[in-house]
């Protein structure tokens, strides 16, 4: 499927007395500040079962691009990790859809295979464990597209690499498409994304396809 994203956001703002003083120091007028805009412009092709990784420095517009791609996808075909919040009083295994075997497999794909964690209440999990549970729950929804901003950003880097490897294997096995965003580049070797979108602070967007054909 081909996506064409073109959107601009005006950055209007009120200027305080201190801001006005700083602007005067650097020769920035209120008119120039009002003209400044932020946007995303790119065209990319995403095939079924692909892993798309949006990366770049903080503030470059990764989250904006991910949100625009999500909005181009039918609501009934997608799930976003940010929308999933496990109930604190439930056990981990009770939060994942499917029978016990399916639930255990999904938890394993998300890096939660320890039996003590599987039967633990969600409210007792660490932040990193909760993130992995949310990933397992997203996979259990059976949607065609999974969106995740700040992908694996809260995990230690070894765990992040393991989850990245599992995600790319899951995508190829199931045909589920993952659209992920993060500033971390250390997981690229394990994630092996089919499409890498690099957002620069200057506004430039670079797209690299793994097969190099586009």
Protein backbone atom coordinates (compact mmCIF):
# COMPACT_ATOMS: atom_id res chain seq x y z
CA UNK A 1 0.00 0.00 0.00
CA UNK A 2 1.30 3.44 -0.91
CA UNK A 3 1.03 6.28 1.60
CA UNK A 4 1.41 9.94 0.73
CA UNK A 5 1.69 12.18 3.77
CA UNK A 6 1.76 15.95 3.42
CA UNK A 7 0.76 18.05 6.38
CA UNK A 8 1.94 21.28 7.92
CA UNK A 9 1.37 22.73 11.37
CA UNK A 10 1.63 26.41 12.19
CA UNK A 11 3.48 27.13 15.40
CA UNK A 12 1.64 30.17 16.66
CA UNK A 13 2.44 31.19 20.23
CA UNK A 14 2.14 33.99 22.73
CA UNK A 15 5.34 35.92 23.38
CA UNK A 16 6.13 36.65 27.02
CA UNK A 17 8.30 39.54 28.14
CA UNK A 18 11.29 37.25 28.66
CA UNK A 19 10.75 35.57 25.28
CA UNK A 20 10.61 39.00 23.62
CA UNK A 21 13.94 39.90 25.26
CA UNK A 22 15.57 36.70 23.96
CA UNK A 23 14.15 37.28 20.48
CA UNK A 24 15.56 40.80 20.49
CA UNK A 25 18.99 39.46 21.48
CA UNK A 26 19.00 37.09 18.48
CA UNK A 27 17.26 39.39 16.03
CA UNK A 28 14.11 37.29 15.69
CA UNK A 29 10.94 39.25 15.00
CA UNK A 30 7.43 38.21 16.05
CA UNK A 31 6.48 38.04 12.36
CA UNK A 32 9.30 35.61 11.63
CA UNK A 33 8.34 33.50 14.62
CA UNK A 34 4.74 33.36 13.44
CA UNK A 35 5.81 32.26 9.96
CA UNK A 36 7.70 29.26 11.30
CA UNK A 37 5.87 26.03 10.57
CA UNK A 38 6.44 22.34 11.06
CA UNK A 39 5.38 19.60 8.73
CA UNK A 40 5.81 16.12 7.36
CA UNK A 41 6.09 15.36 3.68
CA UNK A 42 6.84 11.88 2.41
CA UNK A 43 5.59 9.12 0.19
CA UNK A 44 6.29 5.50 1.03
CA UNK A 45 5.16 2.01 0.15
CA UNK A 46 4.36 -0.48 2.90
CA UNK A 47 3.74 -4.12 2.07
CA UNK A 48 1.87 -6.61 4.23
CA UNK A 49 4.03 -8.12 6.96
CA UNK A 50 6.57 -5.29 6.81
CA UNK A 51 8.36 -3.61 9.67
CA UNK A 52 8.52 0.16 9.24
CA UNK A 53 10.89 2.03 11.55
CA UNK A 54 10.70 5.80 11.89
CA UNK A 55 13.79 7.25 13.51
CA UNK A 56 15.64 10.52 13.95
CA UNK A 57 16.47 13.04 16.67
CA UNK A 58 13.98 14.18 19.28
CA UNK A 59 11.67 16.88 17.94
CA UNK A 60 12.10 15.92 14.28
CA UNK A 61 8.48 14.79 13.85
CA UNK A 62 8.63 11.02 14.24
CA UNK A 63 5.47 10.86 16.35
CA UNK A 64 3.61 13.14 13.95
CA UNK A 65 4.46 10.94 10.98
CA UNK A 66 3.49 7.78 12.85
CA UNK A 67 0.15 9.34 13.81
CA UNK A 68 -0.54 10.40 10.22
CA UNK A 69 0.22 6.89 8.93
CA UNK A 70 -2.07 5.46 11.60
CA UNK A 71 -4.91 7.75 10.58
CA UNK A 72 -4.53 6.52 6.99
CA UNK A 73 -5.23 2.97 8.19
CA UNK A 74 -8.81 1.75 8.81
CA UNK A 75 -9.58 1.83 12.53
CA UNK A 76 -10.79 -1.77 12.59
CA UNK A 77 -7.46 -2.99 11.16
CA UNK A 78 -5.09 -1.31 13.62
CA UNK A 79 -4.02 -1.22 17.23
CA UNK A 80 -1.74 1.24 19.01
CA UNK A 81 0.26 0.27 22.10
CA UNK A 82 -0.59 3.61 23.71
CA UNK A 83 -4.27 2.59 23.77
CA UNK A 84 -3.63 -0.57 25.78
CA UNK A 85 -3.60 -0.44 29.57
CA UNK A 86 -3.73 -3.78 31.45
CA UNK A 87 -5.95 -3.94 34.53
CA UNK A 88 -3.79 -3.79 37.67
CA UNK A 89 -5.77 -6.47 39.55
CA UNK A 90 -5.61 -9.03 36.73
CA UNK A 91 -2.92 -11.68 36.33
CA UNK A 92 -0.68 -11.28 33.29
CA UNK A 93 -1.94 -14.43 31.55
CA UNK A 94 -5.55 -13.27 31.99
CA UNK A 95 -4.86 -10.08 30.02
CA UNK A 96 -3.88 -11.78 26.77
CA UNK A 97 -6.55 -12.96 24.30
CA UNK A 98 -6.71 -16.57 23.15
CA UNK A 99 -6.36 -19.88 24.96
CA UNK A 100 -3.54 -20.58 27.42
CA UNK A 101 -1.13 -21.90 24.80
CA UNK A 102 -1.74 -18.94 22.51
CA UNK A 103 -1.41 -16.55 25.43
CA UNK A 104 1.89 -18.07 26.53
CA UNK A 105 3.25 -17.87 23.01
CA UNK A 106 2.28 -14.21 22.67
CA UNK A 107 3.86 -13.42 26.02
CA UNK A 108 7.01 -15.23 24.93
CA UNK A 109 7.11 -13.23 21.69
CA UNK A 110 6.93 -10.11 23.84
CA UNK A 111 9.73 -11.30 26.11
CA UNK A 112 7.63 -12.47 29.07
CA UNK A 113 8.25 -16.19 29.46
CA UNK A 114 9.08 -16.43 33.17
CA UNK A 115 6.31 -18.36 34.95
CA UNK A 116 6.42 -16.11 38.02
CA UNK A 117 5.82 -13.10 35.80
CA UNK A 118 3.06 -14.83 33.81
CA UNK A 119 0.96 -15.45 36.93
CA UNK A 120 1.80 -12.14 38.61
CA UNK A 121 -0.73 -9.33 38.94
CA UNK A 122 -0.20 -6.56 36.41
CA UNK A 123 -0.05 -3.96 39.16
CA UNK A 124 3.13 -5.57 40.49
CA UNK A 125 5.02 -5.47 37.20
CA UNK A 126 7.93 -3.16 36.50
CA UNK A 127 7.57 -0.50 33.82
CA UNK A 128 9.53 -2.61 31.35
CA UNK A 129 7.43 -5.69 32.06
CA UNK A 130 4.22 -3.70 31.61
CA UNK A 131 5.48 -2.48 28.25
CA UNK A 132 6.12 -6.03 27.11
CA UNK A 133 2.69 -7.10 28.35
CA UNK A 134 1.08 -4.31 26.35
CA UNK A 135 2.94 -5.57 23.29
CA UNK A 136 1.66 -9.11 23.88
CA UNK A 137 -1.88 -7.77 24.31
CA UNK A 138 -1.56 -5.83 21.05
CA UNK A 139 -0.47 -8.96 19.20
CA UNK A 140 -3.42 -10.82 20.72
CA UNK A 141 -5.90 -8.34 19.23
CA UNK A 142 -5.40 -9.96 15.81
CA UNK A 143 -5.17 -6.66 13.91
CA UNK A 144 -3.34 -6.23 10.61
CA UNK A 145 -1.35 -3.19 11.77
CA UNK A 146 0.45 -2.52 15.05
CA UNK A 147 1.59 1.04 15.79
CA UNK A 148 4.04 1.86 18.57
CA UNK A 149 5.64 5.20 19.38
CA UNK A 150 8.84 5.22 21.47
CA UNK A 151 9.26 1.55 20.60
CA UNK A 152 11.27 -0.25 23.32
CA UNK A 153 12.55 3.11 24.60
CA UNK A 154 11.85 2.22 28.24
CA UNK A 155 13.61 -1.16 28.05
CA UNK A 156 17.24 -1.96 28.73
CA UNK A 157 19.06 -2.25 25.44
CA UNK A 158 19.62 -6.02 25.56
CA UNK A 159 15.92 -6.64 26.14
CA UNK A 160 15.08 -4.11 23.43
CA UNK A 161 17.24 -6.05 20.98
CA UNK A 162 15.54 -9.34 21.87
CA UNK A 163 12.05 -7.83 21.45
CA UNK A 164 13.08 -6.25 18.14
CA UNK A 165 14.25 -9.61 16.83
CA UNK A 166 11.01 -11.24 17.96
CA UNK A 167 8.91 -8.54 16.31
CA UNK A 168 10.51 -8.93 12.89
CA UNK A 169 10.07 -12.70 13.10
CA UNK A 170 6.44 -12.28 14.16
CA UNK A 171 5.77 -9.91 11.25
CA UNK A 172 7.06 -12.40 8.70
CA UNK A 173 5.28 -15.33 10.35
CA UNK A 174 1.88 -13.67 10.76
CA UNK A 175 1.72 -11.04 8.02
CA UNK A 176 1.11 -8.33 10.60
CA UNK A 177 2.58 -4.94 9.68
CA UNK A 178 4.43 -2.99 12.36
CA UNK A 179 4.90 0.79 12.21
CA UNK A 180 7.31 1.80 14.95
CA UNK A 181 9.02 5.03 15.97
CA UNK A 182 12.03 5.69 18.20
CA UNK A 183 15.26 7.66 18.25
CA UNK A 184 17.25 4.52 19.14
CA UNK A 185 19.29 3.08 16.28
CA UNK A 186 21.01 0.27 18.22
CA UNK A 187 18.10 -2.13 17.57
CA UNK A 188 18.21 -1.84 13.77
CA UNK A 189 20.43 -4.89 13.36
CA UNK A 190 17.90 -7.06 15.24
CA UNK A 191 14.74 -5.39 14.01
CA UNK A 192 15.81 -5.60 10.35
CA UNK A 193 13.09 -3.18 9.20
CA UNK A 194 11.82 -3.41 5.64
CA UNK A 195 11.46 0.37 5.54
CA UNK A 196 13.50 2.92 7.48
CA UNK A 197 12.19 6.48 7.58
CA UNK A 198 14.72 9.01 8.86
CA UNK A 199 13.29 12.32 10.03
CA UNK A 200 15.78 15.18 10.29
CA UNK A 201 15.44 18.33 12.38
CA UNK A 202 15.81 20.40 9.21
CA UNK A 203 12.56 18.88 7.97
CA UNK A 204 14.09 16.49 5.45
CA UNK A 205 12.73 12.94 5.31
CA UNK A 206 14.83 10.07 3.95
CA UNK A 207 13.32 6.68 3.13
CA UNK A 208 15.41 3.53 2.77
CA UNK A 209 13.95 0.21 1.61
CA UNK A 210 15.67 -3.01 2.58
CA UNK A 211 15.30 -4.50 -0.87
CA UNK A 212 16.58 -1.29 -2.48
CA UNK A 213 14.11 -1.59 -5.34
CA UNK A 214 11.99 1.51 -4.79
